[in-house]
């Protein structure tokens, strides 16, 4: 008998049931008879609005025609009723039917309490989701053992397991330690003991930058004016992809030639310069597309473009431009900072434009900038010029 695999997804800003199966004419006819069923070109699947009633209808329609694997969707619906935020984080993290099944009731209650603490302390949504995911991974690993009773040595053993067996990066280990520190010291009220747990030394990863020729090719690779305007805005102002997605029409101040970046990373507002060239591009773009609230709106929903969609647009442009570097859209922000530095802009101003807390974060670009490096001759050149070496 045929098998249907169901998965919760977010499509066009709405929770949906993704339906996948090997092609069968009779089964496809039955599926297409369901009200509100649609085909997604993006996900290459049939989909329905995510609800228990739609799940029941789907299972009923497939009786005698296919075995329906609904475990993941059922788990998602179950935990959405108890904690929408935790369910949403599950949805964003490659849904796994067993993700919560292996967490004991006691540990799950502690996870809910952690969520409440994080919200009350006004942590950002990104930090809340990261901490909950890290703590959830820990609880999945310890299974039915109560997290509250774990001694310091057992936590050290777990972190060693993360490093040796799971091969987690230094940055991910730091994130997991921070999350567990919050869980034990804030949620559970344990005495501070994480100073006893050594932290891995982080490697200094240099920003990946695109050269001017690569930028020419990247921007030329897109025909869609909205997509092009997104990438121009990202590079022109050195914005994060989340900041581009959150931009509203009211944030573009043409009188003062500034862009207002509201509630960015670290809950900081800041102003960045509005390029005259970008202003002309945005005026042409808004005249054509007529956005109502957000600068870059989805024509289907009227909501802000999802960050993942903007990231996909960058990857599409990169592929069309034939750029082989392993870079994401954040490389436009890195390129902006590096190119400013090469043009002689004071690094303190670059720090403020980028919204960095610490100048050391900005100083990474000193290692990337080629402004001074191009004037340093290799000792080999001197030997060659003196005729001391031959090829």
Protein backbone atom coordinates (compact mmCIF):
# COMPACT_ATOMS: atom_id res chain seq x y z
CA UNK A 1 0.00 0.00 0.00
CA UNK A 2 1.16 3.54 -0.74
CA UNK A 3 2.46 5.73 2.08
CA UNK A 4 1.75 9.39 2.79
CA UNK A 5 4.34 11.32 4.79
CA UNK A 6 3.04 14.42 6.56
CA UNK A 7 5.17 17.23 7.93
CA UNK A 8 4.32 20.58 9.55
CA UNK A 9 5.80 23.51 7.59
CA UNK A 10 5.48 27.28 7.37
CA UNK A 11 4.35 28.31 3.88
CA UNK A 12 3.65 31.93 2.95
CA UNK A 13 3.72 32.85 6.60
CA UNK A 14 1.10 30.25 7.62
CA UNK A 15 1.38 26.88 9.34
CA UNK A 16 0.57 24.09 6.90
CA UNK A 17 0.58 20.32 6.54
CA UNK A 18 3.04 19.24 3.85
CA UNK A 19 1.84 16.05 2.07
CA UNK A 20 4.31 13.87 0.16
CA UNK A 21 3.81 10.51 -1.57
CA UNK A 22 4.98 8.53 -4.58
CA UNK A 23 2.75 9.31 -7.53
CA UNK A 24 -0.46 7.28 -7.75
CA UNK A 25 -3.33 8.51 -9.93
CA UNK A 26 -6.15 7.31 -7.66
CA UNK A 27 -4.45 8.64 -4.53
CA UNK A 28 -3.75 12.00 -6.14
CA UNK A 29 -7.38 12.31 -7.22
CA UNK A 30 -8.51 11.63 -3.64
CA UNK A 31 -6.05 14.17 -2.23
CA UNK A 32 -7.11 16.87 -4.72
CA UNK A 33 -10.74 16.43 -3.66
CA UNK A 34 -9.99 17.89 -0.20
CA UNK A 35 -11.16 21.45 0.30
CA UNK A 36 -8.36 24.06 0.51
CA UNK A 37 -5.72 21.64 -0.81
CA UNK A 38 -2.99 23.44 -2.79
CA UNK A 39 0.26 22.63 -4.58
CA UNK A 40 3.45 24.38 -3.39
CA UNK A 41 6.07 24.94 -6.06
CA UNK A 42 8.51 26.07 -3.36
CA UNK A 43 8.25 22.90 -1.24
CA UNK A 44 7.25 20.59 -4.13
CA UNK A 45 4.34 19.13 -2.19
CA UNK A 46 0.59 19.35 -1.65
CA UNK A 47 -0.35 21.30 1.46
CA UNK A 48 -3.31 22.15 3.72
CA UNK A 49 -3.78 24.68 6.54
CA UNK A 50 -2.46 23.00 9.69
CA UNK A 51 -5.30 21.96 11.99
CA UNK A 52 -6.59 18.84 13.69
CA UNK A 53 -9.75 18.87 11.56
CA UNK A 54 -7.76 18.97 8.31
CA UNK A 55 -5.53 16.16 9.59
CA UNK A 56 -8.63 14.07 10.36
CA UNK A 57 -10.09 14.74 6.90
CA UNK A 58 -6.81 13.77 5.24
CA UNK A 59 -6.58 10.49 7.18
CA UNK A 60 -10.22 9.70 6.37
CA UNK A 61 -9.80 10.38 2.63
CA UNK A 62 -6.76 8.08 2.47
CA UNK A 63 -8.37 5.11 4.22
CA UNK A 64 -7.87 1.98 2.13
CA UNK A 65 -5.65 3.87 -0.32
CA UNK A 66 -2.52 4.70 1.70
CA UNK A 67 -0.88 4.42 5.10
CA UNK A 68 -0.66 7.92 6.59
CA UNK A 69 2.42 8.74 8.66
CA UNK A 70 0.94 11.53 10.80
CA UNK A 71 3.17 11.18 13.88
CA UNK A 72 5.13 14.41 13.33
CA UNK A 73 2.05 16.53 12.67
CA UNK A 74 0.23 15.00 15.65
CA UNK A 75 3.21 15.72 17.92
CA UNK A 76 3.37 19.28 16.66
CA UNK A 77 -0.36 19.87 17.27
CA UNK A 78 -0.07 18.37 20.75
CA UNK A 79 2.75 20.66 21.83
CA UNK A 80 1.34 23.70 20.07
CA UNK A 81 -1.65 23.48 22.41
CA UNK A 82 0.70 23.58 25.42
CA UNK A 83 3.31 26.04 24.19
CA UNK A 84 2.95 27.79 20.81
CA UNK A 85 6.49 29.15 21.04
CA UNK A 86 8.06 25.74 21.69
CA UNK A 87 6.01 24.27 18.88
CA UNK A 88 7.16 27.05 16.57
CA UNK A 89 10.80 26.39 17.46
CA UNK A 90 10.21 22.71 16.67
CA UNK A 91 8.74 23.69 13.31
CA UNK A 92 11.79 25.80 12.48
CA UNK A 93 14.21 23.05 13.51
CA UNK A 94 13.44 20.21 11.11
CA UNK A 95 10.44 18.60 12.83
CA UNK A 96 11.09 15.27 14.46
CA UNK A 97 8.23 13.18 15.82
CA UNK A 98 10.39 11.90 18.67
CA UNK A 99 11.79 15.29 19.68
CA UNK A 100 9.37 15.76 22.54
CA UNK A 101 8.30 12.16 23.07
CA UNK A 102 11.66 11.45 24.73
CA UNK A 103 11.35 14.36 27.16
CA UNK A 104 9.86 13.45 30.54
CA UNK A 105 6.82 15.29 31.83
CA UNK A 106 8.88 16.78 34.65
CA UNK A 107 11.55 18.08 32.26
CA UNK A 108 8.97 19.45 29.85
CA UNK A 109 7.36 21.42 32.69
CA UNK A 110 10.79 22.86 33.50
CA UNK A 111 11.17 23.77 29.83
CA UNK A 112 7.83 25.63 29.93
CA UNK A 113 8.98 27.45 33.07
CA UNK A 114 12.21 28.43 31.31
CA UNK A 115 10.21 29.85 28.43
CA UNK A 116 8.18 31.94 30.88
CA UNK A 117 11.35 33.29 32.57
CA UNK A 118 12.91 34.22 29.24
CA UNK A 119 9.77 36.07 28.14
CA UNK A 120 9.44 37.91 31.47
CA UNK A 121 13.08 38.96 31.29
CA UNK A 122 12.31 40.37 27.80
CA UNK A 123 14.92 38.33 25.95
CA UNK A 124 14.71 38.63 22.16
CA UNK A 125 12.68 36.04 20.23
CA UNK A 126 15.87 34.81 18.60
CA UNK A 127 17.58 34.24 21.96
CA UNK A 128 14.48 32.60 23.43
CA UNK A 129 14.24 30.16 20.53
CA UNK A 130 17.98 29.42 20.66
CA UNK A 131 17.96 28.74 24.41
CA UNK A 132 14.84 26.58 24.24
CA UNK A 133 16.31 24.53 21.38
CA UNK A 134 19.61 24.02 23.22
CA UNK A 135 17.87 22.99 26.46
CA UNK A 136 15.48 20.77 24.53
CA UNK A 137 18.45 18.97 22.90
CA UNK A 138 19.93 18.41 26.37
CA UNK A 139 16.63 17.01 27.68
CA UNK A 140 16.30 14.74 24.69
CA UNK A 141 19.79 13.36 25.41
CA UNK A 142 19.10 12.66 29.09
CA UNK A 143 15.68 11.15 28.24
CA UNK A 144 13.64 10.36 31.37
CA UNK A 145 16.29 11.46 33.89
CA UNK A 146 15.25 14.60 35.82
CA UNK A 147 17.40 17.52 34.68
CA UNK A 148 17.12 19.15 38.10
CA UNK A 149 19.10 16.40 39.80
CA UNK A 150 22.04 16.50 37.37
CA UNK A 151 25.30 17.29 39.26
CA UNK A 152 28.06 19.44 37.81
CA UNK A 153 30.16 16.44 36.79
CA UNK A 154 27.30 14.92 34.77
CA UNK A 155 26.82 18.23 32.93
CA UNK A 156 30.56 18.26 32.14
CA UNK A 157 30.22 14.70 30.79
CA UNK A 158 27.30 15.80 28.61
CA UNK A 159 29.25 18.77 27.19
CA UNK A 160 32.22 16.50 26.48
CA UNK A 161 29.81 14.18 24.63
CA UNK A 162 28.63 17.20 22.59
CA UNK A 163 32.22 18.02 21.66
CA UNK A 164 33.60 14.50 21.08
CA UNK A 165 30.62 12.59 19.70
CA UNK A 166 28.32 15.25 18.24
CA UNK A 167 31.28 17.32 16.98
CA UNK A 168 29.56 20.58 17.84
CA UNK A 169 31.46 23.74 16.92
CA UNK A 170 32.96 26.03 19.55
CA UNK A 171 30.24 28.61 18.94
CA UNK A 172 27.45 26.05 19.32
CA UNK A 173 29.03 24.74 22.54
CA UNK A 174 29.16 28.28 23.93
CA UNK A 175 25.49 28.72 23.04
CA UNK A 176 24.56 25.43 24.72
CA UNK A 177 26.54 26.32 27.86
CA UNK A 178 24.83 29.73 28.04
CA UNK A 179 21.41 28.10 27.71
CA UNK A 180 22.11 25.49 30.39
CA UNK A 181 23.55 28.17 32.66
CA UNK A 182 20.28 30.11 32.37
CA UNK A 183 18.25 26.94 32.92
CA UNK A 184 20.05 25.86 36.09
CA UNK A 185 20.78 29.23 37.65
CA UNK A 186 17.66 31.20 36.64
CA UNK A 187 14.86 28.66 36.13
CA UNK A 188 15.87 26.14 38.79
CA UNK A 189 17.53 28.65 41.13
CA UNK A 190 20.67 26.54 41.61
CA UNK A 191 23.77 28.19 43.09
CA UNK A 192 26.07 29.54 40.40
CA UNK A 193 28.41 26.73 39.43
CA UNK A 194 29.06 27.19 35.73
CA UNK A 195 32.36 28.88 36.50
CA UNK A 196 33.52 25.33 37.21
CA UNK A 197 32.75 24.28 33.64
CA UNK A 198 35.54 25.17 31.18
CA UNK A 199 34.50 26.88 27.96
CA UNK A 200 36.06 25.98 24.62
CA UNK A 201 38.28 28.64 23.11
CA UNK A 202 36.55 30.20 20.11
CA UNK A 203 38.43 30.36 16.85
CA UNK A 204 38.51 33.75 15.19
CA UNK A 205 36.58 33.32 11.96
CA UNK A 206 37.34 36.04 9.45
CA UNK A 207 34.38 37.57 7.60
CA UNK A 208 33.89 36.35 4.04
CA UNK A 209 33.83 39.23 1.59
CA UNK A 210 32.80 39.67 -2.05
CA UNK A 211 34.98 41.76 -4.34
CA UNK A 212 33.63 44.56 -6.53
CA UNK A 213 33.62 42.39 -9.66
CA UNK A 214 31.64 39.71 -7.84
CA UNK A 215 29.14 42.32 -6.63
CA UNK A 216 28.70 43.57 -10.22
CA UNK A 217 27.88 40.03 -11.32
CA UNK A 218 25.62 39.38 -8.32
CA UNK A 219 23.42 42.44 -8.86
CA UNK A 220 23.31 41.86 -12.62
CA UNK A 221 22.12 38.27 -12.12
CA UNK A 222 18.64 39.33 -10.92
CA UNK A 223 15.86 40.67 -13.12
CA UNK A 224 13.15 41.01 -10.47
CA UNK A 225 13.26 44.62 -9.25
CA UNK A 226 12.02 43.80 -5.75
CA UNK A 227 14.69 41.15 -5.28
CA UNK A 228 17.33 43.48 -6.65
CA UNK A 229 16.22 46.29 -4.31
CA UNK A 230 16.55 43.93 -1.32
CA UNK A 231 20.17 43.11 -2.13
CA UNK A 232 21.02 46.74 -2.93
CA UNK A 233 19.58 47.78 0.46
CA UNK A 234 21.48 45.06 2.31
CA UNK A 235 24.84 46.04 0.81
CA UNK A 236 24.29 49.81 0.69
CA UNK A 237 23.59 50.10 4.44
CA UNK A 238 25.41 47.02 5.79
CA UNK A 239 22.20 45.57 7.21
CA UNK A 240 21.49 42.13 8.64
CA UNK A 241 18.91 40.12 6.73
CA UNK A 242 16.49 40.38 9.69
CA UNK A 243 16.85 44.17 9.60
CA UNK A 244 16.08 44.29 5.87
CA UNK A 245 12.97 42.15 6.40
CA UNK A 246 11.75 44.41 9.24
CA UNK A 247 12.20 47.72 7.37
CA UNK A 248 9.02 49.77 7.02
CA UNK A 249 8.30 52.66 4.68
CA UNK A 250 8.37 55.07 7.63
CA UNK A 251 11.97 54.03 8.37
CA UNK A 252 13.27 55.61 5.15
CA UNK A 253 13.98 59.26 6.00
CA UNK A 254 14.75 61.03 2.72
CA UNK A 255 14.91 64.48 4.39
CA UNK A 256 17.80 63.53 6.66
CA UNK A 257 19.07 60.84 4.24
CA UNK A 258 18.95 58.18 6.94
CA UNK A 259 17.49 54.72 7.45
CA UNK A 260 16.10 54.02 10.92
CA UNK A 261 16.91 50.46 12.03
CA UNK A 262 14.43 49.67 14.79
CA UNK A 263 14.86 47.09 17.57
CA UNK A 264 17.81 45.36 15.95
CA UNK A 265 20.12 42.76 17.50
CA UNK A 266 20.64 43.43 21.20
CA UNK A 267 17.42 45.51 21.26
CA UNK A 268 19.28 48.48 19.83
CA UNK A 269 17.89 51.17 17.54
CA UNK A 270 20.29 52.96 15.23
CA UNK A 271 20.47 55.20 12.18
CA UNK A 272 22.48 54.35 9.08
CA UNK A 273 23.18 56.53 6.06
CA UNK A 274 20.75 56.45 3.16
CA UNK A 275 22.67 56.38 -0.09
CA UNK A 276 21.32 58.79 -2.77
CA UNK A 277 21.62 55.96 -5.29
CA UNK A 278 19.65 53.62 -3.03
CA UNK A 279 17.01 56.31 -2.48
CA UNK A 280 16.45 56.57 -6.25
CA UNK A 281 16.25 52.77 -6.49
CA UNK A 282 13.72 52.57 -3.62
CA UNK A 283 11.58 55.37 -5.10
CA UNK A 284 11.41 53.54 -8.41
CA UNK A 285 10.72 50.24 -6.64
CA UNK A 286 7.92 51.60 -4.40
CA UNK A 287 6.27 53.36 -7.35
CA UNK A 288 6.12 50.05 -9.20
CA UNK A 289 5.22 47.66 -6.33
CA UNK A 290 3.30 50.05 -4.05
CA UNK A 291 4.06 48.45 -0.64
CA UNK A 292 1.67 49.55 2.14
CA UNK A 293 3.57 49.09 5.42
CA UNK A 294 6.75 47.08 5.05
CA UNK A 295 9.33 48.15 2.53
CA UNK A 296 9.53 44.60 1.15
CA UNK A 297 6.10 43.00 1.41
CA UNK A 298 4.78 39.67 0.22
CA UNK A 299 2.23 40.32 -2.51
CA UNK A 300 0.21 37.33 -1.28
CA UNK A 301 0.02 38.10 2.44
CA UNK A 302 0.93 41.79 2.74
CA UNK A 303 3.36 40.85 5.51
CA UNK A 304 7.13 41.33 5.65
CA UNK A 305 9.22 39.03 3.48
CA UNK A 306 10.52 36.06 5.52
CA UNK A 307 14.27 36.19 6.12
CA UNK A 308 14.68 32.72 4.63
CA UNK A 309 13.09 33.89 1.39
CA UNK A 310 15.55 36.80 1.17
CA UNK A 311 18.40 34.37 1.84
CA UNK A 312 17.15 32.14 -0.99
CA UNK A 313 17.04 35.16 -3.31
CA UNK A 314 20.70 35.84 -2.54
CA UNK A 315 21.66 32.21 -3.18
CA UNK A 316 19.78 32.27 -6.49
CA UNK A 317 21.62 35.42 -7.58
CA UNK A 318 24.94 33.94 -6.45
CA UNK A 319 24.36 30.77 -8.47
CA UNK A 320 23.34 32.72 -11.59
CA UNK A 321 26.40 34.96 -11.21
CA UNK A 322 28.68 31.91 -11.08
CA UNK A 323 30.16 32.92 -7.71
CA UNK A 324 31.83 29.86 -6.20
CA UNK A 325 32.62 31.28 -2.76
CA UNK A 326 30.76 29.64 0.13
CA UNK A 327 28.96 32.75 1.33
CA UNK A 328 25.47 33.77 2.42
CA UNK A 329 23.64 37.08 2.33
CA UNK A 330 25.53 38.19 5.47
CA UNK A 331 28.59 38.51 3.23
CA UNK A 332 27.02 41.70 1.83
CA UNK A 333 27.22 43.23 5.32
CA UNK A 334 30.82 42.03 5.64
CA UNK A 335 31.63 43.43 2.20
CA UNK A 336 30.07 46.79 3.10
CA UNK A 337 32.23 47.10 6.23
CA UNK A 338 35.43 45.95 4.52
CA UNK A 339 34.96 48.25 1.54
CA UNK A 340 34.31 51.23 3.85
CA UNK A 341 37.50 50.41 5.74
CA UNK A 342 39.47 50.21 2.49
CA UNK A 343 38.16 53.63 1.50
CA UNK A 344 39.58 55.10 4.70
CA UNK A 345 36.49 55.28 6.94
CA UNK A 346 37.36 55.35 10.64
CA UNK A 347 36.66 51.96 12.22
CA UNK A 348 34.78 53.64 15.11
CA UNK A 349 32.19 54.98 12.67
CA UNK A 350 31.90 51.57 11.03
CA UNK A 351 31.26 50.06 14.49
CA UNK A 352 28.31 52.44 15.05
CA UNK A 353 26.88 51.91 11.56
CA UNK A 354 26.96 48.14 12.01
CA UNK A 355 25.50 48.37 15.52
CA UNK A 356 28.30 46.42 17.20
CA UNK A 357 28.51 46.50 21.01
CA UNK A 358 32.26 45.92 21.07
CA UNK A 359 34.94 47.47 18.85
CA UNK A 360 36.71 44.06 18.85
CA UNK A 361 33.89 42.66 16.73
CA UNK A 362 34.49 45.38 14.14
CA UNK A 363 38.27 44.95 14.28
CA UNK A 364 37.92 41.60 12.52
CA UNK A 365 37.62 43.59 9.31
CA UNK A 366 41.17 44.89 9.80
CA UNK A 367 42.33 41.33 9.03
CA UNK A 368 40.28 41.23 5.84
CA UNK A 369 40.89 44.68 4.40
CA UNK A 370 43.54 44.70 1.67
CA UNK A 371 44.11 48.47 1.81
CA UNK A 372 47.52 48.21 3.51
CA UNK A 373 48.30 44.61 2.56
CA UNK A 374 48.59 45.43 -1.15
CA UNK A 375 51.53 47.73 -0.38
CA UNK A 376 53.51 45.05 1.47
CA UNK A 377 55.93 43.25 -0.80
CA UNK A 378 56.80 39.62 -0.16
CA UNK A 379 60.49 38.96 0.66
CA UNK A 380 60.43 36.53 -2.26
CA UNK A 381 59.87 39.48 -4.60
CA UNK A 382 63.06 41.09 -3.34
CA UNK A 383 65.08 37.92 -3.86
CA UNK A 384 63.65 37.53 -7.35
CA UNK A 385 64.44 41.15 -8.24
CA UNK A 386 68.06 40.64 -7.13
CA UNK A 387 68.37 37.52 -9.26
CA UNK A 388 68.97 35.35 -6.22
CA UNK A 389 66.32 32.76 -7.12
CA UNK A 390 65.24 31.24 -10.44
CA UNK A 391 62.30 29.20 -11.71
